[in-house]
Amino acid sequence: ISANNVTLRIGKKALFEDVNIKFTE
């Protein structure tokens, strides 16, 4: 499972910004 360029904004605050990470078997 991987996150590709994940950004999460809550209001004006970015909790995550352009996160790229891969989790492998």
PDBML (XML) file of the C-alpha atoms, coordinates in Angstrom:
<?xml version="1.0" encoding="UTF-8" ?>
<PDBx:datablock datablockName="MODEL"
   xmlns:PDBx="http://pdbml.pdb.org/schema/pdbx-v50.xsd"
   xmlns:xsi="http://www.w3.org/2001/XMLSchema-instance"
   xsi:schemaLocation="http://pdbml.pdb.org/schema/pdbx-v50.xsd pdbx-v50.xsd">
   <PDBx:atom_siteCategory>
      <PDBx:atom_site id="1">
         <PDBx:B_iso_or_equiv>0.00</PDBx:B_iso_or_equiv>
         <PDBx:Cartn_x>0.000</PDBx:Cartn_x>
         <PDBx:Cartn_y>0.000</PDBx:Cartn_y>
         <PDBx:Cartn_z>0.000</PDBx:Cartn_z>
         <PDBx:auth_asym_id>A</PDBx:auth_asym_id>
         <PDBx:auth_atom_id>CA</PDBx:auth_atom_id>
         <PDBx:auth_comp_id>ILE</PDBx:auth_comp_id>
         <PDBx:auth_seq_id>1</PDBx:auth_seq_id>
         <PDBx:group_PDB>ATOM</PDBx:group_PDB>
         <PDBx:label_alt_id xsi:nil="true" />
         <PDBx:label_asym_id>A</PDBx:label_asym_id>
         <PDBx:label_atom_id>CA</PDBx:label_atom_id>
         <PDBx:label_comp_id>ILE</PDBx:label_comp_id>
         <PDBx:label_entity_id>1</PDBx:label_entity_id>
         <PDBx:label_seq_id>1</PDBx:label_seq_id>
         <PDBx:occupancy>1.00</PDBx:occupancy>
         <PDBx:pdbx_PDB_model_num>1</PDBx:pdbx_PDB_model_num>
         <PDBx:type_symbol>C</PDBx:type_symbol>
      </PDBx:atom_site>
      <PDBx:atom_site id="2">
         <PDBx:B_iso_or_equiv>0.00</PDBx:B_iso_or_equiv>
         <PDBx:Cartn_x>1.399</PDBx:Cartn_x>
         <PDBx:Cartn_y>3.410</PDBx:Cartn_y>
         <PDBx:Cartn_z>-0.899</PDBx:Cartn_z>
         <PDBx:auth_asym_id>A</PDBx:auth_asym_id>
         <PDBx:auth_atom_id>CA</PDBx:auth_atom_id>
         <PDBx:auth_comp_id>SER</PDBx:auth_comp_id>
         <PDBx:auth_seq_id>2</PDBx:auth_seq_id>
         <PDBx:group_PDB>ATOM</PDBx:group_PDB>
         <PDBx:label_alt_id xsi:nil="true" />
         <PDBx:label_asym_id>A</PDBx:label_asym_id>
         <PDBx:label_atom_id>CA</PDBx:label_atom_id>
         <PDBx:label_comp_id>SER</PDBx:label_comp_id>
         <PDBx:label_entity_id>1</PDBx:label_entity_id>
         <PDBx:label_seq_id>2</PDBx:label_seq_id>
         <PDBx:occupancy>1.00</PDBx:occupancy>
         <PDBx:pdbx_PDB_model_num>1</PDBx:pdbx_PDB_model_num>
         <PDBx:type_symbol>C</PDBx:type_symbol>
      </PDBx:atom_site>
      <PDBx:atom_site id="3">
         <PDBx:B_iso_or_equiv>0.00</PDBx:B_iso_or_equiv>
         <PDBx:Cartn_x>0.545</PDBx:Cartn_x>
         <PDBx:Cartn_y>7.083</PDBx:Cartn_y>
         <PDBx:Cartn_z>-0.488</PDBx:Cartn_z>
         <PDBx:auth_asym_id>A</PDBx:auth_asym_id>
         <PDBx:auth_atom_id>CA</PDBx:auth_atom_id>
         <PDBx:auth_comp_id>ALA</PDBx:auth_comp_id>
         <PDBx:auth_seq_id>3</PDBx:auth_seq_id>
         <PDBx:group_PDB>ATOM</PDBx:group_PDB>
         <PDBx:label_alt_id xsi:nil="true" />
         <PDBx:label_asym_id>A</PDBx:label_asym_id>
         <PDBx:label_atom_id>CA</PDBx:label_atom_id>
         <PDBx:label_comp_id>ALA</PDBx:label_comp_id>
         <PDBx:label_entity_id>1</PDBx:label_entity_id>
         <PDBx:label_seq_id>3</PDBx:label_seq_id>
         <PDBx:occupancy>1.00</PDBx:occupancy>
         <PDBx:pdbx_PDB_model_num>1</PDBx:pdbx_PDB_model_num>
         <PDBx:type_symbol>C</PDBx:type_symbol>
      </PDBx:atom_site>
      <PDBx:atom_site id="4">
         <PDBx:B_iso_or_equiv>0.00</PDBx:B_iso_or_equiv>
         <PDBx:Cartn_x>1.278</PDBx:Cartn_x>
         <PDBx:Cartn_y>9.150</PDBx:Cartn_y>
         <PDBx:Cartn_z>-3.583</PDBx:Cartn_z>
         <PDBx:auth_asym_id>A</PDBx:auth_asym_id>
         <PDBx:auth_atom_id>CA</PDBx:auth_atom_id>
         <PDBx:auth_comp_id>ASN</PDBx:auth_comp_id>
         <PDBx:auth_seq_id>4</PDBx:auth_seq_id>
         <PDBx:group_PDB>ATOM</PDBx:group_PDB>
         <PDBx:label_alt_id xsi:nil="true" />
         <PDBx:label_asym_id>A</PDBx:label_asym_id>
         <PDBx:label_atom_id>CA</PDBx:label_atom_id>
         <PDBx:label_comp_id>ASN</PDBx:label_comp_id>
         <PDBx:label_entity_id>1</PDBx:label_entity_id>
         <PDBx:label_seq_id>4</PDBx:label_seq_id>
         <PDBx:occupancy>1.00</PDBx:occupancy>
         <PDBx:pdbx_PDB_model_num>1</PDBx:pdbx_PDB_model_num>
         <PDBx:type_symbol>C</PDBx:type_symbol>
      </PDBx:atom_site>
      <PDBx:atom_site id="5">
         <PDBx:B_iso_or_equiv>0.00</PDBx:B_iso_or_equiv>
         <PDBx:Cartn_x>1.590</PDBx:Cartn_x>
         <PDBx:Cartn_y>12.948</PDBx:Cartn_y>
         <PDBx:Cartn_z>-3.182</PDBx:Cartn_z>
         <PDBx:auth_asym_id>A</PDBx:auth_asym_id>
         <PDBx:auth_atom_id>CA</PDBx:auth_atom_id>
         <PDBx:auth_comp_id>ASN</PDBx:auth_comp_id>
         <PDBx:auth_seq_id>5</PDBx:auth_seq_id>
         <PDBx:group_PDB>ATOM</PDBx:group_PDB>
         <PDBx:label_alt_id xsi:nil="true" />
         <PDBx:label_asym_id>A</PDBx:label_asym_id>
         <PDBx:label_atom_id>CA</PDBx:label_atom_id>
         <PDBx:label_comp_id>ASN</PDBx:label_comp_id>
         <PDBx:label_entity_id>1</PDBx:label_entity_id>
         <PDBx:label_seq_id>5</PDBx:label_seq_id>
         <PDBx:occupancy>1.00</PDBx:occupancy>
         <PDBx:pdbx_PDB_model_num>1</PDBx:pdbx_PDB_model_num>
         <PDBx:type_symbol>C</PDBx:type_symbol>
      </PDBx:atom_site>
      <PDBx:atom_site id="6">
         <PDBx:B_iso_or_equiv>0.00</PDBx:B_iso_or_equiv>
         <PDBx:Cartn_x>-0.949</PDBx:Cartn_x>
         <PDBx:Cartn_y>12.891</PDBx:Cartn_y>
         <PDBx:Cartn_z>-0.368</PDBx:Cartn_z>
         <PDBx:auth_asym_id>A</PDBx:auth_asym_id>
         <PDBx:auth_atom_id>CA</PDBx:auth_atom_id>
         <PDBx:auth_comp_id>VAL</PDBx:auth_comp_id>
         <PDBx:auth_seq_id>6</PDBx:auth_seq_id>
         <PDBx:group_PDB>ATOM</PDBx:group_PDB>
         <PDBx:label_alt_id xsi:nil="true" />
         <PDBx:label_asym_id>A</PDBx:label_asym_id>
         <PDBx:label_atom_id>CA</PDBx:label_atom_id>
         <PDBx:label_comp_id>VAL</PDBx:label_comp_id>
         <PDBx:label_entity_id>1</PDBx:label_entity_id>
         <PDBx:label_seq_id>6</PDBx:label_seq_id>
         <PDBx:occupancy>1.00</PDBx:occupancy>
         <PDBx:pdbx_PDB_model_num>1</PDBx:pdbx_PDB_model_num>
         <PDBx:type_symbol>C</PDBx:type_symbol>
      </PDBx:atom_site>
      <PDBx:atom_site id="7">
         <PDBx:B_iso_or_equiv>0.00</PDBx:B_iso_or_equiv>
         <PDBx:Cartn_x>-2.026</PDBx:Cartn_x>
         <PDBx:Cartn_y>16.234</PDBx:Cartn_y>
         <PDBx:Cartn_z>1.032</PDBx:Cartn_z>
         <PDBx:auth_asym_id>A</PDBx:auth_asym_id>
         <PDBx:auth_atom_id>CA</PDBx:auth_atom_id>
         <PDBx:auth_comp_id>THR</PDBx:auth_comp_id>
         <PDBx:auth_seq_id>7</PDBx:auth_seq_id>
         <PDBx:group_PDB>ATOM</PDBx:group_PDB>
         <PDBx:label_alt_id xsi:nil="true" />
         <PDBx:label_asym_id>A</PDBx:label_asym_id>
         <PDBx:label_atom_id>CA</PDBx:label_atom_id>
         <PDBx:label_comp_id>THR</PDBx:label_comp_id>
         <PDBx:label_entity_id>1</PDBx:label_entity_id>
         <PDBx:label_seq_id>7</PDBx:label_seq_id>
         <PDBx:occupancy>1.00</PDBx:occupancy>
         <PDBx:pdbx_PDB_model_num>1</PDBx:pdbx_PDB_model_num>
         <PDBx:type_symbol>C</PDBx:type_symbol>
      </PDBx:atom_site>
      <PDBx:atom_site id="8">
         <PDBx:B_iso_or_equiv>0.00</PDBx:B_iso_or_equiv>
         <PDBx:Cartn_x>-4.721</PDBx:Cartn_x>
         <PDBx:Cartn_y>16.735</PDBx:Cartn_y>
         <PDBx:Cartn_z>3.677</PDBx:Cartn_z>
         <PDBx:auth_asym_id>A</PDBx:auth_asym_id>
         <PDBx:auth_atom_id>CA</PDBx:auth_atom_id>
         <PDBx:auth_comp_id>LEU</PDBx:auth_comp_id>
         <PDBx:auth_seq_id>8</PDBx:auth_seq_id>
         <PDBx:group_PDB>ATOM</PDBx:group_PDB>
         <PDBx:label_alt_id xsi:nil="true" />
         <PDBx:label_asym_id>A</PDBx:label_asym_id>
         <PDBx:label_atom_id>CA</PDBx:label_atom_id>
         <PDBx:label_comp_id>LEU</PDBx:label_comp_id>
         <PDBx:label_entity_id>1</PDBx:label_entity_id>
         <PDBx:label_seq_id>8</PDBx:label_seq_id>
         <PDBx:occupancy>1.00</PDBx:occupancy>
         <PDBx:pdbx_PDB_model_num>1</PDBx:pdbx_PDB_model_num>
         <PDBx:type_symbol>C</PDBx:type_symbol>
      </PDBx:atom_site>
      <PDBx:atom_site id="9">
         <PDBx:B_iso_or_equiv>0.00</PDBx:B_iso_or_equiv>
         <PDBx:Cartn_x>-5.839</PDBx:Cartn_x>
         <PDBx:Cartn_y>20.223</PDBx:Cartn_y>
         <PDBx:Cartn_z>4.645</PDBx:Cartn_z>
         <PDBx:auth_asym_id>A</PDBx:auth_asym_id>
         <PDBx:auth_atom_id>CA</PDBx:auth_atom_id>
         <PDBx:auth_comp_id>ARG</PDBx:auth_comp_id>
         <PDBx:auth_seq_id>9</PDBx:auth_seq_id>
         <PDBx:group_PDB>ATOM</PDBx:group_PDB>
         <PDBx:label_alt_id xsi:nil="true" />
         <PDBx:label_asym_id>A</PDBx:label_asym_id>
         <PDBx:label_atom_id>CA</PDBx:label_atom_id>
         <PDBx:label_comp_id>ARG</PDBx:label_comp_id>
         <PDBx:label_entity_id>1</PDBx:label_entity_id>
         <PDBx:label_seq_id>9</PDBx:label_seq_id>
         <PDBx:occupancy>1.00</PDBx:occupancy>
         <PDBx:pdbx_PDB_model_num>1</PDBx:pdbx_PDB_model_num>
         <PDBx:type_symbol>C</PDBx:type_symbol>
      </PDBx:atom_site>
      <PDBx:atom_site id="10">
         <PDBx:B_iso_or_equiv>0.00</PDBx:B_iso_or_equiv>
         <PDBx:Cartn_x>-8.155</PDBx:Cartn_x>
         <PDBx:Cartn_y>20.910</PDBx:Cartn_y>
         <PDBx:Cartn_z>7.547</PDBx:Cartn_z>
         <PDBx:auth_asym_id>A</PDBx:auth_asym_id>
         <PDBx:auth_atom_id>CA</PDBx:auth_atom_id>
         <PDBx:auth_comp_id>ILE</PDBx:auth_comp_id>
         <PDBx:auth_seq_id>10</PDBx:auth_seq_id>
         <PDBx:group_PDB>ATOM</PDBx:group_PDB>
         <PDBx:label_alt_id xsi:nil="true" />
         <PDBx:label_asym_id>A</PDBx:label_asym_id>
         <PDBx:label_atom_id>CA</PDBx:label_atom_id>
         <PDBx:label_comp_id>ILE</PDBx:label_comp_id>
         <PDBx:label_entity_id>1</PDBx:label_entity_id>
         <PDBx:label_seq_id>10</PDBx:label_seq_id>
         <PDBx:occupancy>1.00</PDBx:occupancy>
         <PDBx:pdbx_PDB_model_num>1</PDBx:pdbx_PDB_model_num>
         <PDBx:type_symbol>C</PDBx:type_symbol>
      </PDBx:atom_site>
      <PDBx:atom_site id="11">
         <PDBx:B_iso_or_equiv>0.00</PDBx:B_iso_or_equiv>
         <PDBx:Cartn_x>-9.254</PDBx:Cartn_x>
         <PDBx:Cartn_y>24.487</PDBx:Cartn_y>
         <PDBx:Cartn_z>7.093</PDBx:Cartn_z>
         <PDBx:auth_asym_id>A</PDBx:auth_asym_id>
         <PDBx:auth_atom_id>CA</PDBx:auth_atom_id>
         <PDBx:auth_comp_id>GLY</PDBx:auth_comp_id>
         <PDBx:auth_seq_id>11</PDBx:auth_seq_id>
         <PDBx:group_PDB>ATOM</PDBx:group_PDB>
         <PDBx:label_alt_id xsi:nil="true" />
         <PDBx:label_asym_id>A</PDBx:label_asym_id>
         <PDBx:label_atom_id>CA</PDBx:label_atom_id>
         <PDBx:label_comp_id>GLY</PDBx:label_comp_id>
         <PDBx:label_entity_id>1</PDBx:label_entity_id>
         <PDBx:label_seq_id>11</PDBx:label_seq_id>
         <PDBx:occupancy>1.00</PDBx:occupancy>
         <PDBx:pdbx_PDB_model_num>1</PDBx:pdbx_PDB_model_num>
         <PDBx:type_symbol>C</PDBx:type_symbol>
      </PDBx:atom_site>
      <PDBx:atom_site id="12">
         <PDBx:B_iso_or_equiv>0.00</PDBx:B_iso_or_equiv>
         <PDBx:Cartn_x>-6.076</PDBx:Cartn_x>
         <PDBx:Cartn_y>26.431</PDBx:Cartn_y>
         <PDBx:Cartn_z>6.266</PDBx:Cartn_z>
         <PDBx:auth_asym_id>A</PDBx:auth_asym_id>
         <PDBx:auth_atom_id>CA</PDBx:auth_atom_id>
         <PDBx:auth_comp_id>LYS</PDBx:auth_comp_id>
         <PDBx:auth_seq_id>12</PDBx:auth_seq_id>
         <PDBx:group_PDB>ATOM</PDBx:group_PDB>
         <PDBx:label_alt_id xsi:nil="true" />
         <PDBx:label_asym_id>A</PDBx:label_asym_id>
         <PDBx:label_atom_id>CA</PDBx:label_atom_id>
         <PDBx:label_comp_id>LYS</PDBx:label_comp_id>
         <PDBx:label_entity_id>1</PDBx:label_entity_id>
         <PDBx:label_seq_id>12</PDBx:label_seq_id>
         <PDBx:occupancy>1.00</PDBx:occupancy>
         <PDBx:pdbx_PDB_model_num>1</PDBx:pdbx_PDB_model_num>
         <PDBx:type_symbol>C</PDBx:type_symbol>
      </PDBx:atom_site>
      <PDBx:atom_site id="13">
         <PDBx:B_iso_or_equiv>0.00</PDBx:B_iso_or_equiv>
         <PDBx:Cartn_x>-3.803</PDBx:Cartn_x>
         <PDBx:Cartn_y>24.005</PDBx:Cartn_y>
         <PDBx:Cartn_z>8.094</PDBx:Cartn_z>
         <PDBx:auth_asym_id>A</PDBx:auth_asym_id>
         <PDBx:auth_atom_id>CA</PDBx:auth_atom_id>
         <PDBx:auth_comp_id>LYS</PDBx:auth_comp_id>
         <PDBx:auth_seq_id>13</PDBx:auth_seq_id>
         <PDBx:group_PDB>ATOM</PDBx:group_PDB>
         <PDBx:label_alt_id xsi:nil="true" />
         <PDBx:label_asym_id>A</PDBx:label_asym_id>
         <PDBx:label_atom_id>CA</PDBx:label_atom_id>
         <PDBx:label_comp_id>LYS</PDBx:label_comp_id>
         <PDBx:label_entity_id>1</PDBx:label_entity_id>
         <PDBx:label_seq_id>13</PDBx:label_seq_id>
         <PDBx:occupancy>1.00</PDBx:occupancy>
         <PDBx:pdbx_PDB_model_num>1</PDBx:pdbx_PDB_model_num>
         <PDBx:type_symbol>C</PDBx:type_symbol>
      </PDBx:atom_site>
      <PDBx:atom_site id="14">
         <PDBx:B_iso_or_equiv>0.00</PDBx:B_iso_or_equiv>
         <PDBx:Cartn_x>-2.067</PDBx:Cartn_x>
         <PDBx:Cartn_y>21.256</PDBx:Cartn_y>
         <PDBx:Cartn_z>6.094</PDBx:Cartn_z>
         <PDBx:auth_asym_id>A</PDBx:auth_asym_id>
         <PDBx:auth_atom_id>CA</PDBx:auth_atom_id>
         <PDBx:auth_comp_id>ALA</PDBx:auth_comp_id>
         <PDBx:auth_seq_id>14</PDBx:auth_seq_id>
         <PDBx:group_PDB>ATOM</PDBx:group_PDB>
         <PDBx:label_alt_id xsi:nil="true" />
         <PDBx:label_asym_id>A</PDBx:label_asym_id>
         <PDBx:label_atom_id>CA</PDBx:label_atom_id>
         <PDBx:label_comp_id>ALA</PDBx:label_comp_id>
         <PDBx:label_entity_id>1</PDBx:label_entity_id>
         <PDBx:label_seq_id>14</PDBx:label_seq_id>
         <PDBx:occupancy>1.00</PDBx:occupancy>
         <PDBx:pdbx_PDB_model_num>1</PDBx:pdbx_PDB_model_num>
         <PDBx:type_symbol>C</PDBx:type_symbol>
      </PDBx:atom_site>
      <PDBx:atom_site id="15">
         <PDBx:B_iso_or_equiv>0.00</PDBx:B_iso_or_equiv>
         <PDBx:Cartn_x>-1.909</PDBx:Cartn_x>
         <PDBx:Cartn_y>18.176</PDBx:Cartn_y>
         <PDBx:Cartn_z>8.306</PDBx:Cartn_z>
         <PDBx:auth_asym_id>A</PDBx:auth_asym_id>
         <PDBx:auth_atom_id>CA</PDBx:auth_atom_id>
         <PDBx:auth_comp_id>LEU</PDBx:auth_comp_id>
         <PDBx:auth_seq_id>15</PDBx:auth_seq_id>
         <PDBx:group_PDB>ATOM</PDBx:group_PDB>
         <PDBx:label_alt_id xsi:nil="true" />
         <PDBx:label_asym_id>A</PDBx:label_asym_id>
         <PDBx:label_atom_id>CA</PDBx:label_atom_id>
         <PDBx:label_comp_id>LEU</PDBx:label_comp_id>
         <PDBx:label_entity_id>1</PDBx:label_entity_id>
         <PDBx:label_seq_id>15</PDBx:label_seq_id>
         <PDBx:occupancy>1.00</PDBx:occupancy>
         <PDBx:pdbx_PDB_model_num>1</PDBx:pdbx_PDB_model_num>
         <PDBx:type_symbol>C</PDBx:type_symbol>
      </PDBx:atom_site>
      <PDBx:atom_site id="16">
         <PDBx:B_iso_or_equiv>0.00</PDBx:B_iso_or_equiv>
         <PDBx:Cartn_x>-0.034</PDBx:Cartn_x>
         <PDBx:Cartn_y>16.334</PDBx:Cartn_y>
         <PDBx:Cartn_z>5.526</PDBx:Cartn_z>
         <PDBx:auth_asym_id>A</PDBx:auth_asym_id>
         <PDBx:auth_atom_id>CA</PDBx:auth_atom_id>
         <PDBx:auth_comp_id>PHE</PDBx:auth_comp_id>
         <PDBx:auth_seq_id>16</PDBx:auth_seq_id>
         <PDBx:group_PDB>ATOM</PDBx:group_PDB>
         <PDBx:label_alt_id xsi:nil="true" />
         <PDBx:label_asym_id>A</PDBx:label_asym_id>
         <PDBx:label_atom_id>CA</PDBx:label_atom_id>
         <PDBx:label_comp_id>PHE</PDBx:label_comp_id>
         <PDBx:label_entity_id>1</PDBx:label_entity_id>
         <PDBx:label_seq_id>16</PDBx:label_seq_id>
         <PDBx:occupancy>1.00</PDBx:occupancy>
         <PDBx:pdbx_PDB_model_num>1</PDBx:pdbx_PDB_model_num>
         <PDBx:type_symbol>C</PDBx:type_symbol>
      </PDBx:atom_site>
      <PDBx:atom_site id="17">
         <PDBx:B_iso_or_equiv>0.00</PDBx:B_iso_or_equiv>
         <PDBx:Cartn_x>1.760</PDBx:Cartn_x>
         <PDBx:Cartn_y>17.911</PDBx:Cartn_y>
         <PDBx:Cartn_z>2.562</PDBx:Cartn_z>
         <PDBx:auth_asym_id>A</PDBx:auth_asym_id>
         <PDBx:auth_atom_id>CA</PDBx:auth_atom_id>
         <PDBx:auth_comp_id>GLU</PDBx:auth_comp_id>
         <PDBx:auth_seq_id>17</PDBx:auth_seq_id>
         <PDBx:group_PDB>ATOM</PDBx:group_PDB>
         <PDBx:label_alt_id xsi:nil="true" />
         <PDBx:label_asym_id>A</PDBx:label_asym_id>
         <PDBx:label_atom_id>CA</PDBx:label_atom_id>
         <PDBx:label_comp_id>GLU</PDBx:label_comp_id>
         <PDBx:label_entity_id>1</PDBx:label_entity_id>
         <PDBx:label_seq_id>17</PDBx:label_seq_id>
         <PDBx:occupancy>1.00</PDBx:occupancy>
         <PDBx:pdbx_PDB_model_num>1</PDBx:pdbx_PDB_model_num>
         <PDBx:type_symbol>C</PDBx:type_symbol>
      </PDBx:atom_site>
      <PDBx:atom_site id="18">
         <PDBx:B_iso_or_equiv>0.00</PDBx:B_iso_or_equiv>
         <PDBx:Cartn_x>2.847</PDBx:Cartn_x>
         <PDBx:Cartn_y>15.906</PDBx:Cartn_y>
         <PDBx:Cartn_z>-0.529</PDBx:Cartn_z>
         <PDBx:auth_asym_id>A</PDBx:auth_asym_id>
         <PDBx:auth_atom_id>CA</PDBx:auth_atom_id>
         <PDBx:auth_comp_id>ASP</PDBx:auth_comp_id>
         <PDBx:auth_seq_id>18</PDBx:auth_seq_id>
         <PDBx:group_PDB>ATOM</PDBx:group_PDB>
         <PDBx:label_alt_id xsi:nil="true" />
         <PDBx:label_asym_id>A</PDBx:label_asym_id>
         <PDBx:label_atom_id>CA</PDBx:label_atom_id>
         <PDBx:label_comp_id>ASP</PDBx:label_comp_id>
         <PDBx:label_entity_id>1</PDBx:label_entity_id>
         <PDBx:label_seq_id>18</PDBx:label_seq_id>
         <PDBx:occupancy>1.00</PDBx:occupancy>
         <PDBx:pdbx_PDB_model_num>1</PDBx:pdbx_PDB_model_num>
         <PDBx:type_symbol>C</PDBx:type_symbol>
      </PDBx:atom_site>
      <PDBx:atom_site id="19">
         <PDBx:B_iso_or_equiv>0.00</PDBx:B_iso_or_equiv>
         <PDBx:Cartn_x>3.484</PDBx:Cartn_x>
         <PDBx:Cartn_y>12.688</PDBx:Cartn_y>
         <PDBx:Cartn_z>1.398</PDBx:Cartn_z>
         <PDBx:auth_asym_id>A</PDBx:auth_asym_id>
         <PDBx:auth_atom_id>CA</PDBx:auth_atom_id>
         <PDBx:auth_comp_id>VAL</PDBx:auth_comp_id>
         <PDBx:auth_seq_id>19</PDBx:auth_seq_id>
         <PDBx:group_PDB>ATOM</PDBx:group_PDB>
         <PDBx:label_alt_id xsi:nil="true" />
         <PDBx:label_asym_id>A</PDBx:label_asym_id>
         <PDBx:label_atom_id>CA</PDBx:label_atom_id>
         <PDBx:label_comp_id>VAL</PDBx:label_comp_id>
         <PDBx:label_entity_id>1</PDBx:label_entity_id>
         <PDBx:label_seq_id>19</PDBx:label_seq_id>
         <PDBx:occupancy>1.00</PDBx:occupancy>
         <PDBx:pdbx_PDB_model_num>1</PDBx:pdbx_PDB_model_num>
         <PDBx:type_symbol>C</PDBx:type_symbol>
      </PDBx:atom_site>
      <PDBx:atom_site id="20">
         <PDBx:B_iso_or_equiv>0.00</PDBx:B_iso_or_equiv>
         <PDBx:Cartn_x>5.019</PDBx:Cartn_x>
         <PDBx:Cartn_y>9.837</PDBx:Cartn_y>
         <PDBx:Cartn_z>-0.601</PDBx:Cartn_z>
         <PDBx:auth_asym_id>A</PDBx:auth_asym_id>
         <PDBx:auth_atom_id>CA</PDBx:auth_atom_id>
         <PDBx:auth_comp_id>ASN</PDBx:auth_comp_id>
         <PDBx:auth_seq_id>20</PDBx:auth_seq_id>
         <PDBx:group_PDB>ATOM</PDBx:group_PDB>
         <PDBx:label_alt_id xsi:nil="true" />
         <PDBx:label_asym_id>A</PDBx:label_asym_id>
         <PDBx:label_atom_id>CA</PDBx:label_atom_id>
         <PDBx:label_comp_id>ASN</PDBx:label_comp_id>
         <PDBx:label_entity_id>1</PDBx:label_entity_id>
         <PDBx:label_seq_id>20</PDBx:label_seq_id>
         <PDBx:occupancy>1.00</PDBx:occupancy>
         <PDBx:pdbx_PDB_model_num>1</PDBx:pdbx_PDB_model_num>
         <PDBx:type_symbol>C</PDBx:type_symbol>
      </PDBx:atom_site>
      <PDBx:atom_site id="21">
         <PDBx:B_iso_or_equiv>0.00</PDBx:B_iso_or_equiv>
         <PDBx:Cartn_x>5.541</PDBx:Cartn_x>
         <PDBx:Cartn_y>6.558</PDBx:Cartn_y>
         <PDBx:Cartn_z>1.216</PDBx:Cartn_z>
         <PDBx:auth_asym_id>A</PDBx:auth_asym_id>
         <PDBx:auth_atom_id>CA</PDBx:auth_atom_id>
         <PDBx:auth_comp_id>ILE</PDBx:auth_comp_id>
         <PDBx:auth_seq_id>21</PDBx:auth_seq_id>
         <PDBx:group_PDB>ATOM</PDBx:group_PDB>
         <PDBx:label_alt_id xsi:nil="true" />
         <PDBx:label_asym_id>A</PDBx:label_asym_id>
         <PDBx:label_atom_id>CA</PDBx:label_atom_id>
         <PDBx:label_comp_id>ILE</PDBx:label_comp_id>
         <PDBx:label_entity_id>1</PDBx:label_entity_id>
         <PDBx:label_seq_id>21</PDBx:label_seq_id>
         <PDBx:occupancy>1.00</PDBx:occupancy>
         <PDBx:pdbx_PDB_model_num>1</PDBx:pdbx_PDB_model_num>
         <PDBx:type_symbol>C</PDBx:type_symbol>
      </PDBx:atom_site>
      <PDBx:atom_site id="22">
         <PDBx:B_iso_or_equiv>0.00</PDBx:B_iso_or_equiv>
         <PDBx:Cartn_x>5.337</PDBx:Cartn_x>
         <PDBx:Cartn_y>2.860</PDBx:Cartn_y>
         <PDBx:Cartn_z>0.400</PDBx:Cartn_z>
         <PDBx:auth_asym_id>A</PDBx:auth_asym_id>
         <PDBx:auth_atom_id>CA</PDBx:auth_atom_id>
         <PDBx:auth_comp_id>LYS</PDBx:auth_comp_id>
         <PDBx:auth_seq_id>22</PDBx:auth_seq_id>
         <PDBx:group_PDB>ATOM</PDBx:group_PDB>
         <PDBx:label_alt_id xsi:nil="true" />
         <PDBx:label_asym_id>A</PDBx:label_asym_id>
         <PDBx:label_atom_id>CA</PDBx:label_atom_id>
         <PDBx:label_comp_id>LYS</PDBx:label_comp_id>
         <PDBx:label_entity_id>1</PDBx:label_entity_id>
         <PDBx:label_seq_id>22</PDBx:label_seq_id>
         <PDBx:occupancy>1.00</PDBx:occupancy>
         <PDBx:pdbx_PDB_model_num>1</PDBx:pdbx_PDB_model_num>
         <PDBx:type_symbol>C</PDBx:type_symbol>
      </PDBx:atom_site>
      <PDBx:atom_site id="23">
         <PDBx:B_iso_or_equiv>0.00</PDBx:B_iso_or_equiv>
         <PDBx:Cartn_x>4.553</PDBx:Cartn_x>
         <PDBx:Cartn_y>0.021</PDBx:Cartn_y>
         <PDBx:Cartn_z>2.838</PDBx:Cartn_z>
         <PDBx:auth_asym_id>A</PDBx:auth_asym_id>
         <PDBx:auth_atom_id>CA</PDBx:auth_atom_id>
         <PDBx:auth_comp_id>PHE</PDBx:auth_comp_id>
         <PDBx:auth_seq_id>23</PDBx:auth_seq_id>
         <PDBx:group_PDB>ATOM</PDBx:group_PDB>
         <PDBx:label_alt_id xsi:nil="true" />
         <PDBx:label_asym_id>A</PDBx:label_asym_id>
         <PDBx:label_atom_id>CA</PDBx:label_atom_id>
         <PDBx:label_comp_id>PHE</PDBx:label_comp_id>
         <PDBx:label_entity_id>1</PDBx:label_entity_id>
         <PDBx:label_seq_id>23</PDBx:label_seq_id>
         <PDBx:occupancy>1.00</PDBx:occupancy>
         <PDBx:pdbx_PDB_model_num>1</PDBx:pdbx_PDB_model_num>
         <PDBx:type_symbol>C</PDBx:type_symbol>
      </PDBx:atom_site>
      <PDBx:atom_site id="24">
         <PDBx:B_iso_or_equiv>0.00</PDBx:B_iso_or_equiv>
         <PDBx:Cartn_x>5.577</PDBx:Cartn_x>
         <PDBx:Cartn_y>-3.435</PDBx:Cartn_y>
         <PDBx:Cartn_z>1.611</PDBx:Cartn_z>
         <PDBx:auth_asym_id>A</PDBx:auth_asym_id>
         <PDBx:auth_atom_id>CA</PDBx:auth_atom_id>
         <PDBx:auth_comp_id>THR</PDBx:auth_comp_id>
         <PDBx:auth_seq_id>24</PDBx:auth_seq_id>
         <PDBx:group_PDB>ATOM</PDBx:group_PDB>
         <PDBx:label_alt_id xsi:nil="true" />
         <PDBx:label_asym_id>A</PDBx:label_asym_id>
         <PDBx:label_atom_id>CA</PDBx:label_atom_id>
         <PDBx:label_comp_id>THR</PDBx:label_comp_id>
         <PDBx:label_entity_id>1</PDBx:label_entity_id>
         <PDBx:label_seq_id>24</PDBx:label_seq_id>
         <PDBx:occupancy>1.00</PDBx:occupancy>
         <PDBx:pdbx_PDB_model_num>1</PDBx:pdbx_PDB_model_num>
         <PDBx:type_symbol>C</PDBx:type_symbol>
      </PDBx:atom_site>
      <PDBx:atom_site id="25">
         <PDBx:B_iso_or_equiv>0.00</PDBx:B_iso_or_equiv>
         <PDBx:Cartn_x>4.953</PDBx:Cartn_x>
         <PDBx:Cartn_y>-7.088</PDBx:Cartn_y>
         <PDBx:Cartn_z>2.438</PDBx:Cartn_z>
         <PDBx:auth_asym_id>A</PDBx:auth_asym_id>
         <PDBx:auth_atom_id>CA</PDBx:auth_atom_id>
         <PDBx:auth_comp_id>GLU</PDBx:auth_comp_id>
         <PDBx:auth_seq_id>25</PDBx:auth_seq_id>
         <PDBx:group_PDB>ATOM</PDBx:group_PDB>
         <PDBx:label_alt_id xsi:nil="true" />
         <PDBx:label_asym_id>A</PDBx:label_asym_id>
         <PDBx:label_atom_id>CA</PDBx:label_atom_id>
         <PDBx:label_comp_id>GLU</PDBx:label_comp_id>
         <PDBx:label_entity_id>1</PDBx:label_entity_id>
         <PDBx:label_seq_id>25</PDBx:label_seq_id>
         <PDBx:occupancy>1.00</PDBx:occupancy>
         <PDBx:pdbx_PDB_model_num>1</PDBx:pdbx_PDB_model_num>
         <PDBx:type_symbol>C</PDBx:type_symbol>
      </PDBx:atom_site>
   </PDBx:atom_siteCategory>
</PDBx:datablock>
